[in-house]
Amino acid sequence: MISGILVKIISIILLIVVGIVLILGIGTLFKGGETSKKYSNKLMQLRVLLQFIAIIVLVSFAYFFKN
C-alpha cells in the first residue's frame, strides 16, 4: 500500500502544480496583448481541470487512508 509520506508528497505536488498554473494564468491575464488572448483562457481551463483532479485525489486519499 501507499505510505503516509508518499500520500503527503503527492498531495503537496498536486497543490503546487495547481498554484503554478494559477500564477501563470493570472500573469498572462495581466500581461495583456496577444499573449493574453492566446494563453490566458487555456491556462485557466487547465487550472480548473487540475483542481478537479487534485480534489478527487485528495478526497480519495482521505477516504481510503482515514485512521
N, C-alpha and C. Protein backbone atom coordinates (compact mmCIF):
# COMPACT_ATOMS: atom_id res chain seq x y z
N MET A 1 0.84 -1.20 0.00
CA MET A 1 0.00 0.00 0.00
C MET A 1 0.88 1.25 0.00
N ILE A 2 0.22 2.34 -0.20
CA ILE A 2 0.93 3.63 -0.24
C ILE A 2 1.15 4.11 1.20
N SER A 3 2.36 4.54 1.49
CA SER A 3 2.66 5.01 2.83
C SER A 3 2.17 6.45 3.03
N GLY A 4 2.11 6.86 4.28
CA GLY A 4 1.63 8.19 4.62
C GLY A 4 2.50 9.30 4.06
N ILE A 5 3.80 9.05 4.01
CA ILE A 5 4.72 10.06 3.49
C ILE A 5 4.49 10.27 1.99
N LEU A 6 4.29 9.17 1.27
CA LEU A 6 4.04 9.27 -0.17
C LEU A 6 2.73 10.01 -0.46
N VAL A 7 1.71 9.78 0.37
CA VAL A 7 0.44 10.48 0.22
C VAL A 7 0.64 11.98 0.41
N LYS A 8 1.41 12.35 1.42
CA LYS A 8 1.69 13.77 1.66
C LYS A 8 2.46 14.40 0.51
N ILE A 9 3.45 13.68 -0.01
CA ILE A 9 4.25 14.20 -1.12
C ILE A 9 3.39 14.40 -2.36
N ILE A 10 2.55 13.41 -2.68
CA ILE A 10 1.66 13.54 -3.84
C ILE A 10 0.70 14.70 -3.66
N SER A 11 0.16 14.86 -2.45
CA SER A 11 -0.77 15.96 -2.18
C SER A 11 -0.10 17.31 -2.36
N ILE A 12 1.09 17.45 -1.83
CA ILE A 12 1.82 18.72 -1.94
C ILE A 12 2.16 19.01 -3.39
N ILE A 13 2.59 18.00 -4.14
CA ILE A 13 2.92 18.20 -5.56
C ILE A 13 1.69 18.66 -6.33
N LEU A 14 0.54 18.02 -6.08
CA LEU A 14 -0.69 18.43 -6.76
C LEU A 14 -1.04 19.89 -6.46
N LEU A 15 -0.94 20.27 -5.20
CA LEU A 15 -1.28 21.64 -4.83
C LEU A 15 -0.29 22.65 -5.42
N ILE A 16 0.97 22.30 -5.48
CA ILE A 16 1.97 23.20 -6.08
C ILE A 16 1.72 23.36 -7.57
N VAL A 17 1.40 22.27 -8.27
CA VAL A 17 1.13 22.35 -9.71
C VAL A 17 -0.08 23.24 -9.98
N VAL A 18 -1.14 23.09 -9.18
CA VAL A 18 -2.31 23.95 -9.35
C VAL A 18 -1.94 25.41 -9.10
N GLY A 19 -1.13 25.66 -8.08
CA GLY A 19 -0.71 27.03 -7.78
C GLY A 19 0.13 27.64 -8.89
N ILE A 20 1.01 26.85 -9.48
CA ILE A 20 1.85 27.36 -10.57
C ILE A 20 1.00 27.72 -11.78
N VAL A 21 0.06 26.84 -12.13
CA VAL A 21 -0.81 27.14 -13.27
C VAL A 21 -1.68 28.36 -12.99
N LEU A 22 -2.13 28.51 -11.76
CA LEU A 22 -2.91 29.70 -11.39
C LEU A 22 -2.08 30.97 -11.55
N ILE A 23 -0.86 30.95 -11.07
CA ILE A 23 0.01 32.13 -11.17
C ILE A 23 0.33 32.44 -12.64
N LEU A 24 0.60 31.42 -13.44
CA LEU A 24 0.85 31.65 -14.86
C LEU A 24 -0.37 32.22 -15.56
N GLY A 25 -1.56 31.71 -15.23
CA GLY A 25 -2.79 32.22 -15.83
C GLY A 25 -3.06 33.67 -15.48
N ILE A 26 -2.88 34.01 -14.22
CA ILE A 26 -3.09 35.40 -13.79
C ILE A 26 -2.03 36.31 -14.40
N GLY A 27 -0.79 35.80 -14.49
CA GLY A 27 0.29 36.60 -15.10
C GLY A 27 0.02 36.93 -16.55
N THR A 28 -0.46 35.94 -17.32
CA THR A 28 -0.75 36.21 -18.72
C THR A 28 -1.99 37.08 -18.87
N LEU A 29 -2.91 36.98 -17.93
CA LEU A 29 -4.09 37.83 -17.97
C LEU A 29 -3.71 39.30 -17.78
N PHE A 30 -2.83 39.58 -16.83
CA PHE A 30 -2.42 40.96 -16.58
C PHE A 30 -1.42 41.47 -17.61
N LYS A 31 -0.72 40.55 -18.28
CA LYS A 31 0.23 40.98 -19.30
C LYS A 31 -0.48 41.65 -20.48
N GLY A 32 -1.62 41.09 -20.82
CA GLY A 32 -2.43 41.68 -21.90
C GLY A 32 -1.85 41.37 -23.27
N GLY A 33 -2.46 41.96 -24.26
CA GLY A 33 -1.98 41.80 -25.62
C GLY A 33 -2.32 40.45 -26.23
N GLU A 34 -1.54 40.07 -27.22
CA GLU A 34 -1.78 38.83 -27.95
C GLU A 34 -1.53 37.60 -27.08
N THR A 35 -0.56 37.68 -26.18
CA THR A 35 -0.28 36.54 -25.29
C THR A 35 -1.48 36.24 -24.41
N SER A 36 -2.09 37.29 -23.89
CA SER A 36 -3.25 37.11 -23.04
C SER A 36 -4.41 36.47 -23.80
N LYS A 37 -4.64 36.92 -25.01
CA LYS A 37 -5.73 36.36 -25.81
C LYS A 37 -5.48 34.90 -26.13
N LYS A 38 -4.23 34.55 -26.34
CA LYS A 38 -3.91 33.20 -26.79
C LYS A 38 -3.85 32.19 -25.64
N TYR A 39 -3.28 32.57 -24.50
CA TYR A 39 -2.98 31.59 -23.46
C TYR A 39 -3.77 31.74 -22.16
N SER A 40 -4.29 32.89 -21.84
CA SER A 40 -4.90 33.11 -20.53
C SER A 40 -6.08 32.18 -20.29
N ASN A 41 -7.00 32.10 -21.24
CA ASN A 41 -8.18 31.26 -21.06
C ASN A 41 -7.79 29.77 -21.01
N LYS A 42 -6.84 29.37 -21.82
CA LYS A 42 -6.40 27.97 -21.83
C LYS A 42 -5.74 27.59 -20.49
N LEU A 43 -4.96 28.51 -19.93
CA LEU A 43 -4.33 28.23 -18.65
C LEU A 43 -5.38 28.13 -17.53
N MET A 44 -6.39 28.98 -17.58
CA MET A 44 -7.42 28.92 -16.55
C MET A 44 -8.26 27.65 -16.70
N GLN A 45 -8.49 27.19 -17.92
CA GLN A 45 -9.20 25.92 -18.11
C GLN A 45 -8.35 24.76 -17.60
N LEU A 46 -7.04 24.82 -17.84
CA LEU A 46 -6.14 23.81 -17.32
C LEU A 46 -6.14 23.82 -15.79
N ARG A 47 -6.21 25.01 -15.21
CA ARG A 47 -6.26 25.13 -13.74
C ARG A 47 -7.49 24.45 -13.19
N VAL A 48 -8.64 24.67 -13.83
CA VAL A 48 -9.88 24.05 -13.35
C VAL A 48 -9.77 22.53 -13.44
N LEU A 49 -9.22 22.03 -14.53
CA LEU A 49 -9.05 20.59 -14.69
C LEU A 49 -8.11 20.03 -13.62
N LEU A 50 -6.99 20.71 -13.39
CA LEU A 50 -6.04 20.25 -12.38
C LEU A 50 -6.64 20.33 -10.97
N GLN A 51 -7.46 21.35 -10.71
CA GLN A 51 -8.12 21.44 -9.41
C GLN A 51 -9.08 20.27 -9.22
N PHE A 52 -9.80 19.91 -10.27
CA PHE A 52 -10.71 18.79 -10.21
C PHE A 52 -9.95 17.50 -9.89
N ILE A 53 -8.85 17.29 -10.59
CA ILE A 53 -8.04 16.09 -10.35
C ILE A 53 -7.47 16.10 -8.93
N ALA A 54 -6.99 17.25 -8.48
CA ALA A 54 -6.42 17.34 -7.14
C ALA A 54 -7.48 17.06 -6.07
N ILE A 55 -8.69 17.58 -6.26
CA ILE A 55 -9.75 17.34 -5.28
C ILE A 55 -10.14 15.87 -5.25
N ILE A 56 -10.26 15.25 -6.42
CA ILE A 56 -10.60 13.83 -6.46
C ILE A 56 -9.53 13.00 -5.77
N VAL A 57 -8.27 13.29 -6.03
CA VAL A 57 -7.17 12.53 -5.42
C VAL A 57 -7.14 12.76 -3.91
N LEU A 58 -7.28 14.01 -3.47
CA LEU A 58 -7.22 14.30 -2.04
C LEU A 58 -8.40 13.68 -1.29
N VAL A 59 -9.58 13.74 -1.87
CA VAL A 59 -10.76 13.13 -1.23
C VAL A 59 -10.61 11.61 -1.18
N SER A 60 -10.08 11.03 -2.25
CA SER A 60 -9.87 9.58 -2.23
C SER A 60 -8.80 9.19 -1.21
N PHE A 61 -7.75 9.99 -1.07
CA PHE A 61 -6.77 9.74 -0.02
C PHE A 61 -7.43 9.79 1.36
N ALA A 62 -8.24 10.81 1.58
CA ALA A 62 -8.91 10.96 2.86
C ALA A 62 -9.86 9.80 3.13
N TYR A 63 -10.52 9.31 2.11
CA TYR A 63 -11.46 8.21 2.28
C TYR A 63 -10.75 6.89 2.54
N PHE A 64 -9.73 6.59 1.77
CA PHE A 64 -9.07 5.30 1.87
C PHE A 64 -8.03 5.22 2.98
N PHE A 65 -7.51 6.35 3.42
CA PHE A 65 -6.46 6.32 4.44
C PHE A 65 -6.89 6.94 5.76
N LYS A 66 -8.20 6.96 6.03
CA LYS A 66 -8.64 7.50 7.33
C LYS A 66 -8.29 6.52 8.43
N ASN A 67 -7.75 7.05 9.49
CA ASN A 67 -7.33 6.17 10.60
C ASN A 67 -8.12 6.49 11.83
